[in-house]
């Protein structure tokens, strides 16, 4: 289907047949899966280790990742600008950091 500006819709299956798009999609799923693994168990682990013993401290523990994400996104965006480091090295650095973090 074409839009008024001449662009057309591309089905998801067609996008995922492109190896670069597929790699980005898989990397995004893996990078964001840490929340799915941590959220159900982190509170219990924090209590067992004595790191966070109250619901408030567990909530603060979860907010650390959100605060770090909020602070780091503008900096990473500036660094990934083509006139600085560039997007590809930043993606590789992020994937490496994610792998080390797991």
Protein backbone atom coordinates (compact mmCIF):
# COMPACT_ATOMS: atom_id res chain seq x y z
CA UNK A 1 0.00 0.00 0.00
CA UNK A 2 1.40 3.39 -0.98
CA UNK A 3 1.14 6.46 1.20
CA UNK A 4 0.62 10.06 0.10
CA UNK A 5 4.37 10.75 0.20
CA UNK A 6 5.09 7.85 -2.17
CA UNK A 7 6.44 5.48 0.47
CA UNK A 8 5.03 1.98 0.71
CA UNK A 9 4.51 -0.42 3.58
CA UNK A 10 6.98 -3.30 3.82
CA UNK A 11 5.78 -6.56 5.38
CA UNK A 12 7.70 -7.76 8.45
CA UNK A 13 8.64 -11.01 6.71
CA UNK A 14 10.33 -9.08 3.92
CA UNK A 15 12.30 -7.03 6.44
CA UNK A 16 13.48 -10.09 8.36
CA UNK A 17 14.81 -11.69 5.16
CA UNK A 18 17.46 -8.96 5.11
CA UNK A 19 20.43 -10.33 7.13
CA UNK A 20 21.33 -6.93 8.58
CA UNK A 21 17.78 -6.31 9.79
CA UNK A 22 17.59 -9.84 11.20
CA UNK A 23 20.87 -9.33 13.10
CA UNK A 24 19.64 -6.05 14.57
CA UNK A 25 16.31 -7.64 15.56
CA UNK A 26 18.03 -10.59 17.27
CA UNK A 27 20.50 -8.28 19.04
CA UNK A 28 17.61 -6.12 20.27
CA UNK A 29 15.71 -9.12 21.59
CA UNK A 30 18.79 -10.43 23.39
CA UNK A 31 19.74 -7.02 24.77
CA UNK A 32 16.29 -6.43 26.19
CA UNK A 33 15.75 -9.96 27.48
CA UNK A 34 17.76 -9.23 30.62
CA UNK A 35 14.75 -7.48 32.14
CA UNK A 36 12.58 -10.52 31.50
CA UNK A 37 15.09 -12.71 33.35
CA UNK A 38 15.87 -10.33 36.19
CA UNK A 39 12.49 -8.94 37.10
CA UNK A 40 10.85 -12.09 38.49
CA UNK A 41 13.89 -13.17 40.51
CA UNK A 42 15.93 -10.10 41.44
CA UNK A 43 13.79 -9.15 44.42
CA UNK A 44 14.12 -12.60 45.98
CA UNK A 45 17.88 -12.70 45.36
CA UNK A 46 18.31 -9.22 46.84
CA UNK A 47 16.40 -10.27 49.96
CA UNK A 48 18.38 -13.51 50.30
CA UNK A 49 21.69 -11.67 50.01
CA UNK A 50 20.58 -8.90 52.40
CA UNK A 51 21.09 -6.22 49.74
CA UNK A 52 17.49 -5.05 49.74
CA UNK A 53 15.23 -6.07 52.57
CA UNK A 54 12.20 -3.80 52.15
CA UNK A 55 9.87 -3.24 49.19
CA UNK A 56 11.18 0.32 48.91
CA UNK A 57 14.80 -0.80 48.64
CA UNK A 58 13.85 -3.43 46.04
CA UNK A 59 12.08 -0.70 44.05
CA UNK A 60 15.20 1.47 44.24
CA UNK A 61 17.26 -1.47 43.05
CA UNK A 62 15.07 -1.81 39.97
CA UNK A 63 15.19 1.94 39.32
CA UNK A 64 18.99 1.90 39.04
CA UNK A 65 18.85 0.42 35.53
CA UNK A 66 16.26 2.96 34.41
CA UNK A 67 18.28 5.88 35.75
CA UNK A 68 21.47 4.59 34.12
CA UNK A 69 19.62 4.15 30.83
CA UNK A 70 18.17 7.66 31.01
CA UNK A 71 21.55 9.22 31.74
CA UNK A 72 23.57 7.20 29.24
CA UNK A 73 21.27 7.41 26.20
CA UNK A 74 22.12 11.01 25.25
CA UNK A 75 25.85 10.34 25.72
CA UNK A 76 25.75 7.16 23.65
CA UNK A 77 23.73 8.99 21.00
CA UNK A 78 26.38 11.70 20.75
CA UNK A 79 29.17 9.15 20.55
CA UNK A 80 27.42 7.14 17.86
CA UNK A 81 27.18 10.21 15.64
CA UNK A 82 29.14 9.56 12.44
CA UNK A 83 31.36 12.59 13.07
CA UNK A 84 32.59 11.04 16.33
CA UNK A 85 32.93 7.28 16.86
CA UNK A 86 30.11 6.08 14.62
CA UNK A 87 27.15 3.75 15.08
CA UNK A 88 28.78 0.42 14.23
CA UNK A 89 31.59 0.57 16.84
CA UNK A 90 29.05 1.69 19.44
CA UNK A 91 26.79 -1.25 18.62
CA UNK A 92 29.73 -3.65 18.95
CA UNK A 93 30.79 -2.05 22.23
CA UNK A 94 27.25 -2.32 23.56
CA UNK A 95 26.96 -5.97 22.57
CA UNK A 96 30.31 -6.70 24.20
CA UNK A 97 29.25 -4.91 27.40
CA UNK A 98 25.97 -6.83 27.38
CA UNK A 99 27.81 -10.14 26.96
CA UNK A 100 30.21 -9.31 29.80
CA UNK A 101 27.26 -8.28 31.99
CA UNK A 102 25.57 -11.64 31.61
